[in-house]
């Protein structure tokens, strides 16, 4: 007796339709039929969406015959990739040796409290994403944080929170 398999739809792969995967058409054309494309395809996809949405994984897997689990493995292995949207401003708090001994934990704690997010989280308004990083290469300015491309050094927790409050104020003054 032969048993017929029932095709199951994995609930974690069901899309919400919010991602316009037609934006991937050019990436798919560029890499179709090529080998060794996983990282560049994921990089270009993230450049388009700001992160790697589930819908993009599904489309890339289908169109470029990339293995879903391999794509996910690469995306979770490399710190450059995001699986969820990031805030408009990414705050990176250095936790390298020099910053660690100068109270980087206090800065991260103050920011977590002020922003009401944990490390790696994004604020409800989508304005900030908070990340701890191993080193920013600014040891002489320890403790250090970066917001986007701007570096802030010799910080206290209070100083760090003040920087964030000023950015939030500046954002409210911008035209929509």
Protein backbone atom coordinates (compact mmCIF):
# COMPACT_ATOMS: atom_id res chain seq x y z
CA UNK A 1 0.00 0.00 0.00
CA UNK A 2 1.35 3.39 -0.98
CA UNK A 3 0.91 6.33 1.37
CA UNK A 4 0.31 9.69 -0.21
CA UNK A 5 2.11 12.57 1.48
CA UNK A 6 0.04 15.51 2.54
CA UNK A 7 1.72 18.76 1.65
CA UNK A 8 1.91 20.91 4.76
CA UNK A 9 2.36 24.64 4.80
CA UNK A 10 4.78 25.60 7.53
CA UNK A 11 3.04 28.26 9.58
CA UNK A 12 6.32 30.10 10.20
CA UNK A 13 6.69 30.58 6.44
CA UNK A 14 3.24 31.98 5.81
CA UNK A 15 3.60 35.51 4.56
CA UNK A 16 1.56 38.55 5.43
CA UNK A 17 1.85 40.04 1.93
CA UNK A 18 3.44 43.27 3.17
CA UNK A 19 6.70 42.73 1.28
CA UNK A 20 6.81 43.65 -2.41
CA UNK A 21 9.06 40.90 -3.72
CA UNK A 22 8.91 42.33 -7.24
CA UNK A 23 11.68 44.60 -5.98
CA UNK A 24 13.89 41.49 -6.15
CA UNK A 25 13.41 41.05 -9.91
CA UNK A 26 16.72 42.69 -10.81
CA UNK A 27 18.65 40.72 -8.16
CA UNK A 28 17.12 37.49 -9.46
CA UNK A 29 18.00 38.37 -13.07
CA UNK A 30 21.56 39.28 -12.05
CA UNK A 31 22.29 36.05 -10.17
CA UNK A 32 20.11 33.52 -11.99
CA UNK A 33 22.11 30.42 -12.98
CA UNK A 34 25.26 31.51 -11.14
CA UNK A 35 27.07 29.68 -8.35
CA UNK A 36 28.36 31.06 -5.04
CA UNK A 37 25.66 33.72 -4.89
CA UNK A 38 24.24 33.27 -1.39
CA UNK A 39 25.97 36.16 0.42
CA UNK A 40 25.75 38.74 -2.39
CA UNK A 41 22.07 37.90 -2.95
CA UNK A 42 21.32 38.32 0.76
CA UNK A 43 23.33 41.57 0.88
CA UNK A 44 21.47 43.05 -2.08
CA UNK A 45 18.14 41.91 -0.67
CA UNK A 46 18.90 43.58 2.64
CA UNK A 47 19.95 46.74 0.82
CA UNK A 48 16.51 46.82 -0.82
CA UNK A 49 14.37 46.12 2.26
CA UNK A 50 16.66 47.16 5.14
CA UNK A 51 16.43 43.61 6.48
CA UNK A 52 15.73 40.10 5.16
CA UNK A 53 11.96 39.58 5.14
CA UNK A 54 10.45 36.08 5.13
CA UNK A 55 8.77 36.76 1.78
CA UNK A 56 12.18 37.50 0.24
CA UNK A 57 13.57 34.18 1.49
CA UNK A 58 10.64 32.38 -0.11
CA UNK A 59 10.98 34.14 -3.46
CA UNK A 60 14.77 33.76 -3.60
CA UNK A 61 14.51 30.08 -2.72
CA UNK A 62 11.97 29.51 -5.45
CA UNK A 63 13.54 31.62 -8.20
CA UNK A 64 17.24 30.95 -7.58
CA UNK A 65 16.82 27.43 -6.17
CA UNK A 66 18.61 28.40 -2.98
CA UNK A 67 18.05 26.13 0.00
CA UNK A 68 15.93 27.88 2.65
CA UNK A 69 17.81 26.41 5.60
CA UNK A 70 21.18 27.35 4.08
CA UNK A 71 20.01 30.92 3.48
CA UNK A 72 18.73 31.15 7.02
CA UNK A 73 21.97 29.65 8.33
CA UNK A 74 24.05 32.27 6.50
CA UNK A 75 21.72 35.10 7.54
CA UNK A 76 21.91 34.12 11.22
CA UNK A 77 25.65 33.39 11.21
CA UNK A 78 26.82 36.77 9.90
CA UNK A 79 26.14 39.81 12.07
CA UNK A 80 25.65 42.03 9.00
CA UNK A 81 22.26 40.46 8.28
CA UNK A 82 18.97 41.36 9.97
CA UNK A 83 15.82 39.26 10.09
CA UNK A 84 13.63 42.08 11.34
CA UNK A 85 13.39 45.76 10.46
CA UNK A 86 15.90 48.07 12.13
CA UNK A 87 15.18 51.52 13.46
CA UNK A 88 15.98 54.64 11.50
CA UNK A 89 18.93 55.22 13.85
CA UNK A 90 21.11 52.30 14.88
CA UNK A 91 22.81 52.83 18.23
CA UNK A 92 25.96 50.74 18.68
CA UNK A 93 27.42 50.63 22.17
CA UNK A 94 31.01 49.39 22.32
CA UNK A 95 31.68 46.61 24.81
CA UNK A 96 35.32 46.04 23.92
CA UNK A 97 37.87 45.84 26.75
CA UNK A 98 38.55 49.57 27.04
CA UNK A 99 34.85 50.44 27.02
CA UNK A 100 33.92 47.55 29.27
CA UNK A 101 36.26 48.70 32.05
CA UNK A 102 34.88 52.24 31.61
CA UNK A 103 31.28 51.14 32.30
CA UNK A 104 29.84 50.23 28.89
CA UNK A 105 27.27 48.14 30.77
CA UNK A 106 26.03 51.30 32.48
CA UNK A 107 25.59 53.02 29.13
CA UNK A 108 23.71 50.08 27.65
CA UNK A 109 21.54 49.83 30.76
CA UNK A 110 20.68 53.54 30.69
CA UNK A 111 19.79 53.34 27.00
CA UNK A 112 17.70 50.20 27.49
CA UNK A 113 15.77 51.94 30.23
CA UNK A 114 15.29 55.19 28.30
CA UNK A 115 14.32 53.48 25.05
CA UNK A 116 12.35 50.67 26.71
CA UNK A 117 14.11 47.99 24.62
CA UNK A 118 16.61 45.24 25.27
CA UNK A 119 19.89 44.82 23.43
CA UNK A 120 19.12 44.06 19.79
CA UNK A 121 15.64 45.56 20.05
CA UNK A 122 13.95 48.33 18.13
CA UNK A 123 11.77 51.01 19.72
CA UNK A 124 8.02 50.82 19.15
CA UNK A 125 8.14 53.96 17.01
CA UNK A 126 10.83 52.43 14.78
CA UNK A 127 13.23 55.28 15.46
CA UNK A 128 16.05 53.43 17.27
CA UNK A 129 17.66 50.00 17.30
CA UNK A 130 20.05 49.30 20.18
CA UNK A 131 23.03 46.98 19.67
CA UNK A 132 26.03 45.97 21.75
CA UNK A 133 29.14 45.47 19.62
CA UNK A 134 32.54 43.97 20.35
CA UNK A 135 34.61 47.00 19.33
CA UNK A 136 34.21 50.31 17.52
CA UNK A 137 37.94 50.99 17.31
CA UNK A 138 37.82 54.18 19.37
CA UNK A 139 39.54 52.96 22.54
CA UNK A 140 40.97 56.37 23.41
CA UNK A 141 37.39 57.71 23.63
CA UNK A 142 36.11 54.90 25.87
CA UNK A 143 33.31 54.38 26.62
CA UNK A 144 31.93 54.94 23.13
CA UNK A 145 28.71 54.63 21.19
CA UNK A 146 27.83 55.34 17.58
CA UNK A 147 24.49 56.51 16.29
CA UNK A 148 24.56 55.92 12.58
CA UNK A 149 27.95 57.25 11.48
CA UNK A 150 28.31 59.71 14.39
CA UNK A 151 30.65 58.72 17.25
CA UNK A 152 30.16 59.82 20.86
CA UNK A 153 32.94 59.23 23.37
CA UNK A 154 33.84 59.61 27.05
CA UNK A 155 30.19 58.91 27.84
CA UNK A 156 28.20 58.29 30.96
CA UNK A 157 24.76 56.68 30.88
CA UNK A 158 23.23 60.11 31.35
CA UNK A 159 25.23 61.54 28.40
CA UNK A 160 24.12 58.68 26.15
CA UNK A 161 20.46 59.19 27.02
CA UNK A 162 20.81 62.93 26.36
CA UNK A 163 22.17 62.22 22.85
CA UNK A 164 19.16 60.01 22.12
CA UNK A 165 16.70 62.58 23.49
CA UNK A 166 18.25 65.26 21.25
CA UNK A 167 17.94 63.01 18.20
CA UNK A 168 14.30 62.35 19.06
CA UNK A 169 13.66 66.11 19.37
CA UNK A 170 15.40 66.75 16.02
CA UNK A 171 13.27 64.03 14.40
CA UNK A 172 10.07 65.74 15.52
CA UNK A 173 11.23 68.96 13.83
CA UNK A 174 11.73 67.24 10.47
CA UNK A 175 8.96 67.63 7.88
CA UNK A 176 7.04 64.43 7.16
